[in-house]
């Protein structure tokens, strides 16, 4: 009796599963800050200029400088915070507030699978112009946040971020909406379902319906077989009963448009599907006015049973 074939299949299956599971989290993890340093400088280059961002090493408060010289003035303030996830990791987040308006709605942003705050926050900040305040944060293993980036930690971190914003009086006295994008969109439905009493609505943009679905899109049947399904927007959304807005671009080349429709079809009313154009996660960048109005309308129109 030979055990070679079964053992080989088990090894190949394990390695393939690990390889596929890595596609979901591609963080930029910044190295630990030496204790003797009082600031850390990062550079972000565009076609037109270079933005230098200086971080205070104690508070991680960022200062944005154009070409490393002049302070950049935004139409919002940034408050850097550190809060503890229930997995024990200290996470970095930013509270973004409009300067000239007292916000009545807070967006809790769950970002996508790559980069970190500095590369992700611009995908949601256009909403500030329309009176929203926003809490953005990095999952474990992203940016300055401690720990390892895993799908388990991401879910724990998202729940911890919700608990943190609920502890702040400047946030807790506003309507609270989770706004998830891509991986964060899939995640947002799970957290929203688990914590319905803590939120007033949900926005999902450019999300995949399940880990198995997006893995199958990338690698066919092997992706579906070897990727574990720890949680999914498709399953979670069927039990969510508060207002939901699902946004997906017909031209999305990262997450198929049909996955957004699949989530929508499994959602309960009140719900709305907003079909947009252009790139993956371009909603707030191009359609902030429309999206902001849809969020305000869904909160105004909803009457809890």
Protein backbone atom coordinates (compact mmCIF):
# COMPACT_ATOMS: atom_id res chain seq x y z
CA UNK A 1 0.00 0.00 0.00
CA UNK A 2 1.47 3.35 -1.04
CA UNK A 3 0.95 6.69 0.71
CA UNK A 4 2.97 8.69 -1.79
CA UNK A 5 0.10 9.93 -3.92
CA UNK A 6 -2.20 11.03 -1.08
CA UNK A 7 0.66 12.77 0.73
CA UNK A 8 1.73 14.51 -2.48
CA UNK A 9 -1.82 15.69 -3.11
CA UNK A 10 -2.10 16.99 0.45
CA UNK A 11 1.18 18.92 0.15
CA UNK A 12 0.27 20.35 -3.25
CA UNK A 13 -3.19 21.28 -1.97
CA UNK A 14 -1.74 23.01 1.11
CA UNK A 15 0.79 25.01 -0.89
CA UNK A 16 -1.78 25.97 -3.49
CA UNK A 17 -4.23 27.08 -0.81
CA UNK A 18 -1.57 29.26 0.83
CA UNK A 19 -0.69 30.78 -2.53
CA UNK A 20 -4.31 31.58 -3.38
CA UNK A 21 -5.07 32.97 0.06
CA UNK A 22 -2.24 35.51 -0.31
CA UNK A 23 -4.08 37.23 -3.17
CA UNK A 24 -6.55 38.74 -0.71
CA UNK A 25 -4.09 40.78 1.36
CA UNK A 26 -1.20 42.72 -0.14
CA UNK A 27 -0.32 45.32 2.51
CA UNK A 28 2.46 47.83 2.66
CA UNK A 29 3.84 47.24 6.13
CA UNK A 30 6.12 50.01 7.38
CA UNK A 31 9.17 49.02 9.45
CA UNK A 32 9.24 49.73 13.21
CA UNK A 33 10.18 53.31 14.06
CA UNK A 34 13.58 53.67 15.80
CA UNK A 35 13.04 55.20 19.27
CA UNK A 36 15.55 58.00 18.65
CA UNK A 37 13.58 59.38 15.67
CA UNK A 38 11.00 62.13 16.17
CA UNK A 39 9.52 61.92 12.67
CA UNK A 40 9.25 59.59 9.70
CA UNK A 41 9.10 60.94 6.16
CA UNK A 42 7.40 59.24 3.22
CA UNK A 43 7.33 60.51 -0.36
CA UNK A 44 4.47 60.23 -2.81
CA UNK A 45 5.18 61.24 -6.41
CA UNK A 46 2.67 62.17 -9.10
CA UNK A 47 3.06 63.47 -12.65
CA UNK A 48 2.86 67.09 -11.52
CA UNK A 49 4.56 67.24 -8.15
CA UNK A 50 5.87 65.36 -5.14
CA UNK A 51 4.05 65.16 -1.83
CA UNK A 52 6.13 64.61 1.27
CA UNK A 53 4.32 63.31 4.34
CA UNK A 54 5.96 63.70 7.74
CA UNK A 55 4.64 61.51 10.57
CA UNK A 56 5.19 62.38 14.22
CA UNK A 57 6.64 59.18 15.69
CA UNK A 58 4.67 59.44 18.94
CA UNK A 59 1.19 60.24 17.60
CA UNK A 60 1.64 59.32 13.91
CA UNK A 61 0.02 62.67 13.09
CA UNK A 62 0.72 63.36 9.39
CA UNK A 63 1.81 66.66 7.87
CA UNK A 64 1.51 66.94 4.08
CA UNK A 65 4.09 69.08 2.26
CA UNK A 66 4.07 70.01 -1.41
CA UNK A 67 7.49 69.24 -2.89
CA UNK A 68 8.70 68.85 0.68
CA UNK A 69 8.29 72.56 1.49
CA UNK A 70 4.84 74.15 1.73
CA UNK A 71 2.16 72.68 3.97
CA UNK A 72 -0.81 71.45 1.96
CA UNK A 73 -4.15 72.85 3.13
CA UNK A 74 -7.09 70.44 2.86
CA UNK A 75 -10.77 71.23 3.31
CA UNK A 76 -10.73 68.82 6.24
CA UNK A 77 -8.73 68.12 9.38
CA UNK A 78 -6.85 64.91 10.11
CA UNK A 79 -6.60 63.51 13.62
CA UNK A 80 -4.34 60.48 13.86
CA UNK A 81 -5.34 57.97 16.53
CA UNK A 82 -4.06 54.66 17.86
CA UNK A 83 -6.61 52.16 19.14
CA UNK A 84 -6.32 48.56 20.25
CA UNK A 85 -7.89 45.75 18.28
CA UNK A 86 -9.37 42.91 20.30
CA UNK A 87 -6.58 40.72 18.88
CA UNK A 88 -4.10 42.84 20.86
CA UNK A 89 -2.64 44.78 17.93
CA UNK A 90 -2.43 48.58 18.05
CA UNK A 91 -4.01 49.99 14.90
CA UNK A 92 -3.55 53.39 13.27
CA UNK A 93 -6.57 55.38 12.13
CA UNK A 94 -7.47 58.88 11.00
CA UNK A 95 -10.54 60.90 11.90
CA UNK A 96 -11.26 63.19 8.94
CA UNK A 97 -13.60 66.13 9.60
CA UNK A 98 -14.84 68.90 7.29
CA UNK A 99 -13.60 72.31 8.43
CA UNK A 100 -16.69 74.41 7.80
CA UNK A 101 -19.58 72.03 8.49
CA UNK A 102 -20.72 70.17 11.60
CA UNK A 103 -21.26 66.64 10.27
CA UNK A 104 -24.38 64.66 11.04
CA UNK A 105 -23.23 61.46 9.31
CA UNK A 106 -20.02 59.48 9.87
CA UNK A 107 -18.64 57.00 7.35
CA UNK A 108 -16.61 54.14 8.80
CA UNK A 109 -14.36 53.22 5.90
CA UNK A 110 -13.11 49.66 5.30
CA UNK A 111 -10.44 49.95 2.61
CA UNK A 112 -9.23 47.46 0.03
CA UNK A 113 -6.64 44.72 0.15
CA UNK A 114 -3.45 46.62 -0.72
CA UNK A 115 -1.27 49.53 0.36
CA UNK A 116 -2.11 51.39 3.56
CA UNK A 117 -3.80 54.61 4.73
CA UNK A 118 -1.67 56.93 2.65
CA UNK A 119 -2.57 55.12 -0.56
CA UNK A 120 -6.20 54.38 0.38
CA UNK A 121 -7.64 57.46 2.07
CA UNK A 122 -8.02 59.46 -1.15
CA UNK A 123 -10.60 56.97 -2.41
CA UNK A 124 -13.07 58.18 0.23
CA UNK A 125 -12.09 61.80 1.06
CA UNK A 126 -14.16 63.39 -1.77
CA UNK A 127 -17.20 62.59 0.39
CA UNK A 128 -16.03 65.13 2.99
CA UNK A 129 -16.99 67.97 0.65
CA UNK A 130 -20.63 66.93 1.11
CA UNK A 131 -20.60 67.17 4.89
CA UNK A 132 -19.50 63.68 5.97
CA UNK A 133 -16.87 62.98 8.58
CA UNK A 134 -14.91 59.79 7.99
CA UNK A 135 -12.96 57.31 10.07
CA UNK A 136 -10.31 55.46 8.06
CA UNK A 137 -7.90 52.93 9.55
CA UNK A 138 -5.35 50.28 8.68
CA UNK A 139 -5.89 46.60 9.41
CA UNK A 140 -3.24 44.57 11.24
CA UNK A 141 -0.02 44.45 9.21
CA UNK A 142 -0.89 47.50 7.10
CA UNK A 143 1.10 50.72 7.40
CA UNK A 144 1.90 51.54 11.03
CA UNK A 145 -0.65 49.04 12.40
CA UNK A 146 0.86 46.16 14.35
CA UNK A 147 0.47 42.47 13.71
CA UNK A 148 0.00 40.22 10.72
CA UNK A 149 -2.35 40.74 7.82
CA UNK A 150 -4.74 37.78 7.78
CA UNK A 151 -8.40 37.46 6.88
CA UNK A 152 -9.13 36.53 10.49
CA UNK A 153 -7.39 39.65 11.80
CA UNK A 154 -9.07 41.87 9.22
CA UNK A 155 -12.50 40.84 10.52
CA UNK A 156 -11.45 41.31 14.15
CA UNK A 157 -9.93 44.71 13.32
CA UNK A 158 -13.06 45.89 11.51
CA UNK A 159 -15.23 45.04 14.50
CA UNK A 160 -12.74 46.75 16.81
CA UNK A 161 -12.79 49.88 14.64
CA UNK A 162 -16.58 49.97 14.91
CA UNK A 163 -16.34 49.64 18.69
CA UNK A 164 -13.77 52.43 18.78
CA UNK A 165 -15.86 54.92 16.80
CA UNK A 166 -18.88 54.09 18.95
CA UNK A 167 -16.83 55.10 22.00
CA UNK A 168 -16.26 58.64 20.67
CA UNK A 169 -18.91 61.24 21.46
CA UNK A 170 -18.04 63.27 18.35
CA UNK A 171 -18.91 60.22 16.25
CA UNK A 172 -21.53 58.48 18.34
CA UNK A 173 -23.88 61.45 18.17
CA UNK A 174 -24.04 61.18 14.36
CA UNK A 175 -25.63 58.66 12.03
CA UNK A 176 -23.09 55.91 11.37
CA UNK A 177 -22.71 54.20 8.00
CA UNK A 178 -20.14 51.57 7.08
CA UNK A 179 -18.62 52.22 3.65
CA UNK A 180 -16.63 49.24 2.39
CA UNK A 181 -14.61 49.10 -0.81
CA UNK A 182 -13.42 45.95 -2.62
CA UNK A 183 -12.10 43.55 0.07
CA UNK A 184 -13.49 46.03 2.58
CA UNK A 185 -16.84 45.84 0.80
CA UNK A 186 -16.99 42.08 1.23
CA UNK A 187 -15.95 42.54 4.85
CA UNK A 188 -18.44 45.35 5.50
CA UNK A 189 -21.49 43.16 4.91
CA UNK A 190 -20.23 40.67 7.49
CA UNK A 191 -19.59 43.31 10.15
CA UNK A 192 -22.84 45.14 9.36
CA UNK A 193 -24.81 41.93 9.80
CA UNK A 194 -23.11 41.12 13.11
CA UNK A 195 -23.47 44.67 14.47
CA UNK A 196 -26.76 45.94 13.03
CA UNK A 197 -27.75 47.65 16.26
CA UNK A 198 -24.59 49.79 16.12
CA UNK A 199 -25.02 51.26 12.64
CA UNK A 200 -27.60 53.07 10.56
CA UNK A 201 -26.74 51.88 7.05
CA UNK A 202 -24.29 50.17 4.74
CA UNK A 203 -22.55 51.09 1.48
CA UNK A 204 -20.69 48.44 -0.51
CA UNK A 205 -18.57 49.46 -3.49
CA UNK A 206 -16.72 47.23 -5.94
CA UNK A 207 -16.92 44.20 -3.67
CA UNK A 208 -16.51 40.55 -4.53
CA UNK A 209 -19.39 38.33 -3.46
CA UNK A 210 -17.21 35.74 -1.74
CA UNK A 211 -13.56 34.72 -1.47
CA UNK A 212 -14.31 31.58 -3.47
CA UNK A 213 -16.05 33.55 -6.21
CA UNK A 214 -13.16 35.94 -6.77
CA UNK A 215 -10.61 33.12 -6.52
CA UNK A 216 -12.54 31.20 -9.16
CA UNK A 217 -12.51 34.32 -11.34
CA UNK A 218 -8.72 34.38 -11.08
CA UNK A 219 -7.95 30.68 -11.29
CA UNK A 220 -11.05 28.76 -12.29
CA UNK A 221 -12.09 25.64 -10.43
CA UNK A 222 -8.74 25.40 -8.62
CA UNK A 223 -9.34 28.75 -6.99
CA UNK A 224 -12.79 27.71 -5.81
CA UNK A 225 -11.49 24.40 -4.44
CA UNK A 226 -8.35 25.58 -2.67
CA UNK A 227 -9.53 28.89 -1.18
CA UNK A 228 -11.25 28.65 2.18
CA UNK A 229 -14.43 30.66 2.70
CA UNK A 230 -14.10 32.24 6.13
CA UNK A 231 -16.93 34.72 5.56
CA UNK A 232 -18.69 36.29 2.59
CA UNK A 233 -20.77 39.33 1.70
CA UNK A 234 -23.18 37.16 -0.26
CA UNK A 235 -24.14 35.06 2.76
CA UNK A 236 -24.04 37.85 5.34
CA UNK A 237 -26.12 40.37 3.39
CA UNK A 238 -29.22 38.17 3.41
CA UNK A 239 -29.63 38.78 7.15
CA UNK A 240 -28.98 42.53 7.10
CA UNK A 241 -32.22 44.49 7.44
CA UNK A 242 -31.15 48.15 7.48
CA UNK A 243 -30.65 50.33 4.37
CA UNK A 244 -27.98 49.21 1.94
CA UNK A 245 -26.52 50.93 -1.12
CA UNK A 246 -24.45 48.78 -3.48
CA UNK A 247 -22.21 50.53 -6.00
CA UNK A 248 -20.37 48.83 -8.83
CA UNK A 249 -18.80 50.00 -12.06
CA UNK A 250 -19.88 48.32 -15.25
CA UNK A 251 -16.27 48.77 -16.41
CA UNK A 252 -14.65 47.34 -13.26
CA UNK A 253 -11.65 45.28 -14.38
CA UNK A 254 -10.72 44.08 -10.88
CA UNK A 255 -14.00 42.72 -9.49
CA UNK A 256 -16.63 41.67 -12.04
CA UNK A 257 -19.79 43.77 -12.18
CA UNK A 258 -21.88 40.61 -11.81
CA UNK A 259 -20.56 40.09 -8.28
CA UNK A 260 -22.05 43.39 -7.20
CA UNK A 261 -25.38 42.31 -8.66
CA UNK A 262 -25.10 38.96 -6.90
CA UNK A 263 -24.73 40.69 -3.51
CA UNK A 264 -27.62 43.03 -4.33
CA UNK A 265 -29.93 40.19 -5.35
CA UNK A 266 -29.36 38.49 -1.98
CA UNK A 267 -29.91 41.68 0.04
CA UNK A 268 -33.12 42.69 1.78
CA UNK A 269 -35.04 45.89 1.21
CA UNK A 270 -34.55 48.76 1.62
CA UNK A 271 -31.79 48.47 -0.95
CA UNK A 272 -30.51 50.31 -4.01
CA UNK A 273 -28.06 49.36 -6.74
CA UNK A 274 -26.08 52.22 -8.26
CA UNK A 275 -24.41 51.31 -11.54
CA UNK A 276 -21.47 53.59 -12.35
CA UNK A 277 -18.75 53.73 -14.98
CA UNK A 278 -14.99 54.07 -14.99
CA UNK A 279 -12.42 52.30 -12.81
CA UNK A 280 -12.54 50.03 -9.77
CA UNK A 281 -13.40 52.10 -6.66
CA UNK A 282 -13.83 55.36 -8.57
CA UNK A 283 -17.23 56.00 -7.00
CA UNK A 284 -16.35 58.81 -4.56
CA UNK A 285 -13.75 60.22 -6.94
CA UNK A 286 -16.21 60.74 -9.81
CA UNK A 287 -19.71 60.38 -8.30
CA UNK A 288 -19.35 61.80 -4.77
CA UNK A 289 -22.31 64.16 -5.19
CA UNK A 290 -24.70 61.42 -6.29
CA UNK A 291 -23.45 58.92 -3.72
CA UNK A 292 -23.71 61.45 -0.89
CA UNK A 293 -27.29 62.22 -1.82
CA UNK A 294 -28.20 58.54 -2.01
CA UNK A 295 -26.74 57.94 1.45
CA UNK A 296 -28.64 60.90 2.91
CA UNK A 297 -31.85 59.78 1.22
CA UNK A 298 -31.61 56.20 2.44
CA UNK A 299 -31.11 57.35 6.04
CA UNK A 300 -33.95 59.87 5.83
CA UNK A 301 -36.40 57.47 4.21
CA UNK A 302 -35.70 54.51 6.49
CA UNK A 303 -38.06 53.93 9.38
CA UNK A 304 -36.99 51.11 11.67
CA UNK A 305 -39.65 48.47 12.23
